């Protein structure tokens, strides 16, 4: 029972530490992550910037 609880505590601790490491080290904004010539990220690719009203004709 002691080994099981130690394993559970280790797993939870590892998950929490990994979560913080993933947020701090590997997170980037979408405009950096998906930056390529064929992807529209930002105001230029929005519906409002292209002049679409969205109303039915």
N, C-alpha and C. Protein backbone atom coordinates (compact mmCIF):
# COMPACT_ATOMS: atom_id res chain seq x y z
N UNK A 1 0.82 -1.19 0.00
CA UNK A 1 0.00 0.00 0.00
C UNK A 1 0.87 1.25 0.00
N UNK A 2 1.98 1.18 0.72
CA UNK A 2 2.88 2.32 0.80
C UNK A 2 3.50 2.63 -0.56
N UNK A 3 3.87 1.59 -1.29
CA UNK A 3 4.46 1.77 -2.62
C UNK A 3 3.42 2.35 -3.59
N UNK A 4 2.18 1.92 -3.49
CA UNK A 4 1.12 2.43 -4.36
C UNK A 4 0.90 3.92 -4.12
N UNK A 5 0.81 4.32 -2.86
CA UNK A 5 0.60 5.73 -2.54
C UNK A 5 1.79 6.59 -2.97
N UNK A 6 2.99 6.04 -2.82
CA UNK A 6 4.18 6.75 -3.27
C UNK A 6 4.15 6.91 -4.79
N UNK A 7 3.72 5.89 -5.51
CA UNK A 7 3.60 5.97 -6.96
C UNK A 7 2.55 6.98 -7.40
N UNK A 8 1.43 7.02 -6.72
CA UNK A 8 0.38 7.99 -7.04
C UNK A 8 0.88 9.40 -6.77
N UNK A 9 1.52 9.62 -5.64
CA UNK A 9 2.05 10.94 -5.30
C UNK A 9 3.11 11.37 -6.32
N UNK A 10 3.96 10.47 -6.73
CA UNK A 10 4.98 10.78 -7.73
C UNK A 10 4.34 11.14 -9.07
N UNK A 11 3.32 10.40 -9.47
CA UNK A 11 2.64 10.66 -10.74
C UNK A 11 1.96 12.03 -10.73
N UNK A 12 1.28 12.36 -9.64
CA UNK A 12 0.61 13.65 -9.54
C UNK A 12 1.65 14.77 -9.55
N UNK A 13 2.73 14.61 -8.81
CA UNK A 13 3.78 15.63 -8.78
C UNK A 13 4.42 15.82 -10.14
N UNK A 14 4.68 14.73 -10.85
CA UNK A 14 5.26 14.81 -12.18
C UNK A 14 4.31 15.50 -13.15
N UNK A 15 3.02 15.22 -13.05
CA UNK A 15 2.03 15.86 -13.92
C UNK A 15 1.97 17.36 -13.67
N UNK A 16 2.00 17.77 -12.41
CA UNK A 16 1.94 19.20 -12.08
C UNK A 16 3.19 19.91 -12.59
N UNK A 17 4.36 19.34 -12.35
CA UNK A 17 5.60 19.96 -12.82
C UNK A 17 5.66 20.01 -14.34
N UNK A 18 5.18 18.97 -15.00
CA UNK A 18 5.16 18.97 -16.46
C UNK A 18 4.22 20.03 -17.00
N UNK A 19 3.10 20.23 -16.34
CA UNK A 19 2.16 21.27 -16.76
C UNK A 19 2.78 22.65 -16.69
N UNK A 20 3.50 22.94 -15.62
CA UNK A 20 4.16 24.24 -15.51
C UNK A 20 5.27 24.38 -16.54
N UNK A 21 6.03 23.32 -16.77
CA UNK A 21 7.11 23.38 -17.76
C UNK A 21 6.56 23.57 -19.17
N UNK A 22 5.46 22.92 -19.48
CA UNK A 22 4.88 23.06 -20.82
C UNK A 22 4.36 24.48 -21.03
N UNK A 23 3.76 25.08 -20.03
CA UNK A 23 3.25 26.45 -20.15
C UNK A 23 4.38 27.45 -20.32
N UNK A 24 5.42 27.31 -19.54
CA UNK A 24 6.49 28.31 -19.54
C UNK A 24 7.46 28.13 -20.70
N UNK A 25 7.77 26.92 -21.07
CA UNK A 25 8.83 26.70 -22.05
C UNK A 25 8.32 26.52 -23.48
N UNK A 26 7.15 25.98 -23.66
CA UNK A 26 6.73 25.59 -25.00
C UNK A 26 5.53 26.35 -25.54
N UNK A 27 5.00 27.31 -24.80
CA UNK A 27 3.83 28.02 -25.30
C UNK A 27 4.27 29.23 -26.12
N UNK A 28 3.66 29.36 -27.31
CA UNK A 28 3.91 30.49 -28.19
C UNK A 28 2.56 30.99 -28.71
N UNK A 29 2.48 32.27 -29.03
CA UNK A 29 1.23 32.78 -29.60
C UNK A 29 0.95 32.14 -30.96
N UNK A 30 -0.31 32.15 -31.37
CA UNK A 30 -0.71 31.52 -32.61
C UNK A 30 -0.05 32.14 -33.83
N UNK A 31 0.17 33.47 -33.80
CA UNK A 31 0.78 34.10 -34.97
C UNK A 31 2.24 33.71 -35.15
N UNK A 32 2.90 33.27 -34.10
CA UNK A 32 4.26 32.74 -34.23
C UNK A 32 4.24 31.27 -34.60
N UNK A 33 3.34 30.51 -34.01
CA UNK A 33 3.30 29.07 -34.23
C UNK A 33 2.88 28.73 -35.65
N UNK A 34 1.86 29.41 -36.16
CA UNK A 34 1.33 29.08 -37.47
C UNK A 34 1.73 30.09 -38.54
N UNK A 35 2.89 30.69 -38.39
CA UNK A 35 3.35 31.68 -39.35
C UNK A 35 3.90 30.99 -40.59
N UNK A 36 3.16 31.11 -41.68
CA UNK A 36 3.61 30.66 -42.98
C UNK A 36 2.86 31.48 -44.02
N UNK A 37 3.34 31.53 -45.24
CA UNK A 37 2.70 32.38 -46.24
C UNK A 37 1.25 32.00 -46.55
N UNK A 38 0.88 30.75 -46.38
CA UNK A 38 -0.46 30.33 -46.77
C UNK A 38 -1.48 30.41 -45.64
N UNK A 39 -1.07 30.81 -44.45
CA UNK A 39 -1.98 30.86 -43.31
C UNK A 39 -2.28 32.31 -42.97
N UNK A 40 -3.55 32.63 -42.81
CA UNK A 40 -3.96 33.99 -42.48
C UNK A 40 -4.21 34.09 -40.98
N UNK A 41 -3.26 34.67 -40.29
CA UNK A 41 -3.40 34.87 -38.85
C UNK A 41 -3.25 36.35 -38.58
N UNK A 42 -4.19 36.91 -37.86
CA UNK A 42 -4.13 38.33 -37.55
C UNK A 42 -5.30 39.08 -38.14
N UNK A 43 -5.22 40.40 -38.14
CA UNK A 43 -6.32 41.23 -38.61
C UNK A 43 -6.52 41.14 -40.11
N UNK A 44 -5.46 40.93 -40.87
CA UNK A 44 -5.58 40.88 -42.33
C UNK A 44 -6.44 39.71 -42.80
N UNK A 45 -6.45 38.63 -42.07
CA UNK A 45 -7.22 37.46 -42.47
C UNK A 45 -8.62 37.40 -41.90
N UNK A 46 -9.02 38.40 -41.14
CA UNK A 46 -10.34 38.36 -40.51
C UNK A 46 -11.42 38.76 -41.50
N UNK A 47 -12.65 38.40 -41.19
CA UNK A 47 -13.78 38.73 -42.05
C UNK A 47 -13.98 40.25 -42.09
N UNK A 48 -13.81 40.91 -40.97
CA UNK A 48 -14.00 42.36 -40.92
C UNK A 48 -12.97 43.09 -41.78
N UNK A 49 -11.75 42.63 -41.80
CA UNK A 49 -10.70 43.29 -42.57
C UNK A 49 -10.90 43.10 -44.07
N UNK A 50 -11.54 42.00 -44.47
CA UNK A 50 -11.76 41.74 -45.89
C UNK A 50 -13.03 42.41 -46.41
N UNK A 51 -13.82 43.02 -45.54
CA UNK A 51 -14.99 43.77 -45.98
C UNK A 51 -16.24 42.94 -46.14
N UNK A 52 -16.31 41.76 -45.59
CA UNK A 52 -17.53 40.96 -45.66
C UNK A 52 -18.50 41.44 -44.60
N UNK A 53 -19.75 41.62 -44.97
CA UNK A 53 -20.73 42.08 -44.01
C UNK A 53 -21.37 40.93 -43.25
N UNK A 54 -21.46 39.76 -43.86
CA UNK A 54 -22.06 38.61 -43.22
C UNK A 54 -23.56 38.58 -43.32
N UNK A 55 -24.16 39.57 -44.00
CA UNK A 55 -25.60 39.62 -44.14
C UNK A 55 -26.03 38.85 -45.39
N UNK A 56 -27.21 38.24 -45.30
CA UNK A 56 -27.75 37.50 -46.45
C UNK A 56 -28.17 38.46 -47.54
N UNK A 57 -27.99 38.04 -48.78
CA UNK A 57 -28.37 38.90 -49.90
C UNK A 57 -29.76 38.62 -50.35
